[in-house]
Amino acid sequence: MALRDGWIARGHHEDSMSAPDLLEALPQPHVLLRPIRDDAGRIVDFVFEAANPAACAFNRLPAEQLIGARLLDLHPNAAASGLFDTYCAIIDEAKSLVMEDWGYAQDLLGGEWRYYDVYAVRSQGCVSQMWIDVTDRHLALEALAASEEQARRRQAETHTIFDSQLDPFVEFANV
């Protein structure tokens, strides 16, 4: 295994893809966010440096409009949600980010609440981020939990009945 330009490669194969080509081919959205700093050196925003086709589709913008756009212009909720501060820590403190089933009021969907698995690391001075919309999974698990709770309540509310015809040794049954 060789480390080349920050990417791990296993040698050259005719059908192998470069890391940028691989990220481009991912079905999940992937972006690179470059920090924008003020005169004091504080990060005040991020600019979309690169985005794969899935990220462009997710953001409902062609690459020509997404790349170069500012994060807080497109996603103002990133500041209130703490995501912006997390991105700053990724850059300034070399933190990595793994959030599963993370809820976010999606700006591009009129504030609709969505759930994501989010992964981000620092790479070449940028935040390299991939995310997966897991809203359907989250809602299915919520529905399952509600169904289980309803079943528990019904079981607790069942009545004990007396039926001596079931078995001479059985005097009650729960239904």
Protein backbone atom coordinates (compact mmCIF):
# COMPACT_ATOMS: atom_id res chain seq x y z
CA MET A 1 0.00 0.00 0.00
CA ALA A 2 1.39 3.41 -0.91
CA LEU A 3 0.41 6.82 0.36
CA ARG A 4 0.25 9.27 -2.52
CA ASP A 5 -1.07 12.84 -2.38
CA GLY A 6 -2.87 12.08 0.87
CA TRP A 7 -4.70 9.07 -0.57
CA ILE A 8 -3.98 5.39 -0.03
CA ALA A 9 -3.57 3.40 -3.20
CA ARG A 10 -2.92 -0.32 -3.62
CA GLY A 11 -0.96 -0.05 -6.82
CA HIS A 12 -1.99 0.70 -10.33
CA HIS A 13 -4.67 -1.38 -12.02
CA GLU A 14 -6.26 -0.65 -15.34
CA ASP A 15 -9.72 -0.54 -13.77
CA SER A 16 -8.67 1.35 -10.63
CA MET A 17 -10.00 4.84 -9.98
CA SER A 18 -8.14 7.79 -8.56
CA ALA A 19 -9.42 9.08 -5.22
CA PRO A 20 -11.09 12.14 -6.81
CA ASP A 21 -12.75 9.88 -9.41
CA LEU A 22 -13.93 7.56 -6.66
CA LEU A 23 -15.46 10.44 -4.69
CA GLU A 24 -17.11 11.66 -7.88
CA ALA A 25 -18.66 8.20 -8.38
CA LEU A 26 -19.98 7.85 -4.82
CA PRO A 27 -23.77 7.69 -4.62
CA GLN A 28 -23.62 9.62 -1.35
CA PRO A 29 -23.09 13.39 -1.33
CA HIS A 30 -19.49 14.47 -0.73
CA VAL A 31 -18.12 18.02 -0.48
CA LEU A 32 -14.90 19.83 0.34
CA LEU A 33 -15.45 22.99 2.38
CA ARG A 34 -12.59 25.52 2.51
CA PRO A 35 -12.59 27.84 5.56
CA ILE A 36 -12.91 31.60 5.11
CA ARG A 37 -11.10 33.52 7.84
CA ASP A 38 -11.41 37.12 9.03
CA ASP A 39 -8.44 39.43 9.68
CA ALA A 40 -8.05 37.96 13.18
CA GLY A 41 -7.79 34.44 11.76
CA ARG A 42 -11.20 33.24 12.97
CA ILE A 43 -13.26 31.10 10.62
CA VAL A 44 -16.32 33.09 9.60
CA ASP A 45 -17.72 30.82 6.89
CA PHE A 46 -16.83 27.99 4.52
CA VAL A 47 -16.90 27.95 0.74
CA PHE A 48 -17.80 24.87 -1.30
CA GLU A 49 -14.47 23.98 -2.90
CA ALA A 50 -15.64 20.75 -4.56
CA ALA A 51 -18.81 18.69 -4.73
CA ASN A 52 -19.71 15.40 -6.35
CA PRO A 53 -22.89 15.03 -8.46
CA ALA A 54 -24.83 13.59 -5.49
CA ALA A 55 -23.99 16.68 -3.41
CA CYS A 56 -25.12 18.96 -6.23
CA ALA A 57 -28.40 17.04 -6.51
CA PHE A 58 -28.88 17.14 -2.74
CA ASN A 59 -28.31 20.91 -2.66
CA ARG A 60 -30.52 21.33 -5.74
CA LEU A 61 -27.83 23.32 -7.51
CA PRO A 62 -25.64 22.64 -10.52
CA ALA A 63 -21.93 22.35 -9.76
CA GLU A 64 -21.30 25.77 -11.32
CA GLN A 65 -23.52 27.37 -8.64
CA LEU A 66 -22.63 25.16 -5.68
CA ILE A 67 -18.86 25.34 -6.04
CA GLY A 68 -17.84 28.77 -4.79
CA ALA A 69 -21.04 29.27 -2.76
CA ARG A 70 -20.79 30.02 0.94
CA LEU A 71 -22.02 27.44 3.43
CA LEU A 72 -23.96 29.87 5.62
CA ASP A 73 -25.69 31.41 2.61
CA LEU A 74 -27.07 28.01 1.60
CA HIS A 75 -27.41 26.46 5.07
CA PRO A 76 -27.94 29.17 7.73
CA ASN A 77 -29.15 26.49 10.17
CA ALA A 78 -25.58 25.12 10.22
CA ALA A 79 -24.70 27.88 12.70
CA ALA A 80 -27.64 27.35 15.10
CA SER A 81 -27.32 23.56 14.98
CA GLY A 82 -23.66 23.61 16.06
CA LEU A 83 -22.52 22.09 12.77
CA PHE A 84 -20.55 25.23 11.83
CA ASP A 85 -18.62 25.13 15.15
CA THR A 86 -17.93 21.44 14.57
CA TYR A 87 -16.50 22.22 11.12
CA CYS A 88 -14.26 24.85 12.75
CA ALA A 89 -12.99 22.24 15.23
CA ILE A 90 -12.30 19.85 12.36
CA ILE A 91 -10.07 22.49 10.76
CA ASP A 92 -8.46 24.09 13.80
CA GLU A 93 -8.15 21.07 16.09
CA ALA A 94 -7.93 18.22 13.56
CA LYS A 95 -11.09 16.66 15.00
CA SER A 96 -13.07 14.15 13.02
CA LEU A 97 -16.83 13.89 12.95
CA VAL A 98 -19.14 10.91 13.05
CA MET A 99 -22.80 11.65 13.74
CA GLU A 100 -25.42 9.00 13.27
CA ASP A 101 -29.13 9.71 13.04
CA TRP A 102 -28.46 13.42 13.45
CA GLY A 103 -31.51 15.67 13.08
CA TYR A 104 -31.27 18.92 11.13
CA ALA A 105 -33.82 21.49 9.95
CA GLN A 106 -32.93 21.35 6.26
CA ASP A 107 -32.74 24.89 4.89
CA LEU A 108 -33.06 23.79 1.28
CA LEU A 109 -36.33 22.01 2.10
CA GLY A 110 -37.97 24.95 3.86
CA GLY A 111 -36.77 23.89 7.31
CA GLU A 112 -38.10 20.33 7.00
CA TRP A 113 -36.60 18.15 9.72
CA ARG A 114 -34.36 15.45 8.21
CA TYR A 115 -31.98 12.89 9.73
CA TYR A 116 -28.46 12.13 8.53
CA ASP A 117 -25.43 10.00 9.15
CA VAL A 118 -22.57 12.50 8.77
CA TYR A 119 -18.85 11.82 8.43
CA ALA A 120 -16.19 14.54 8.13
CA VAL A 121 -12.41 14.92 8.47
CA ARG A 122 -9.80 17.53 7.68
CA SER A 123 -8.14 17.01 4.32
CA GLN A 124 -5.76 19.40 2.58
CA GLY A 125 -6.96 22.35 4.68
CA CYS A 126 -10.64 21.63 3.97
CA VAL A 127 -13.49 19.82 5.65
CA SER A 128 -14.10 16.65 3.65
CA GLN A 129 -17.66 15.60 4.37
CA MET A 130 -19.98 12.82 3.30
CA TRP A 131 -23.52 12.31 4.50
CA ILE A 132 -26.40 9.90 4.04
CA ASP A 133 -30.04 10.90 4.42
CA VAL A 134 -31.44 8.33 6.87
CA THR A 135 -34.79 10.03 7.47
CA ASP A 136 -36.76 7.00 6.24
CA ARG A 137 -34.81 4.71 8.58
CA HIS A 138 -35.31 7.12 11.49
CA LEU A 139 -39.07 7.39 10.89
CA ALA A 140 -39.40 3.59 10.55
CA LEU A 141 -37.60 3.10 13.89
CA GLU A 142 -39.81 5.73 15.52
CA ALA A 143 -42.92 3.96 14.19
CA LEU A 144 -41.61 0.60 15.43
CA ALA A 145 -40.93 2.03 18.90
CA ALA A 146 -44.42 3.57 19.02
CA SER A 147 -45.95 0.25 17.94
CA GLU A 148 -44.02 -1.64 20.62
CA GLU A 149 -45.13 0.86 23.26
CA GLN A 150 -48.74 0.53 22.13
CA ALA A 151 -48.48 -3.28 22.35
CA ARG A 152 -47.05 -3.01 25.89
CA ARG A 153 -49.91 -0.73 26.96
CA ARG A 154 -52.51 -3.08 25.47
CA GLN A 155 -50.95 -6.04 27.22
CA ALA A 156 -51.02 -4.20 30.56
CA GLU A 157 -54.66 -3.27 30.02
CA THR A 158 -55.86 -6.77 29.25
CA HIS A 159 -58.51 -8.20 31.44
CA THR A 160 -58.33 -11.44 33.31
CA ILE A 161 -61.22 -13.67 32.49
CA PHE A 162 -62.45 -16.75 34.20
CA ASP A 163 -63.19 -19.73 32.01
CA SER A 164 -63.40 -23.07 33.75
CA GLN A 165 -64.13 -24.81 30.47
CA LEU A 166 -60.55 -24.21 29.19
CA ASP A 167 -59.06 -26.77 31.53
CA PRO A 168 -60.10 -27.91 34.97
CA PHE A 169 -56.70 -26.76 36.28
CA VAL A 170 -56.79 -23.37 34.55
CA GLU A 171 -58.93 -20.84 36.31
CA PHE A 172 -57.96 -17.69 34.41
CA ALA A 173 -56.38 -16.52 31.22
CA ASN A 174 -55.11 -13.22 29.93
CA VAL A 175 -56.58 -12.03 26.62
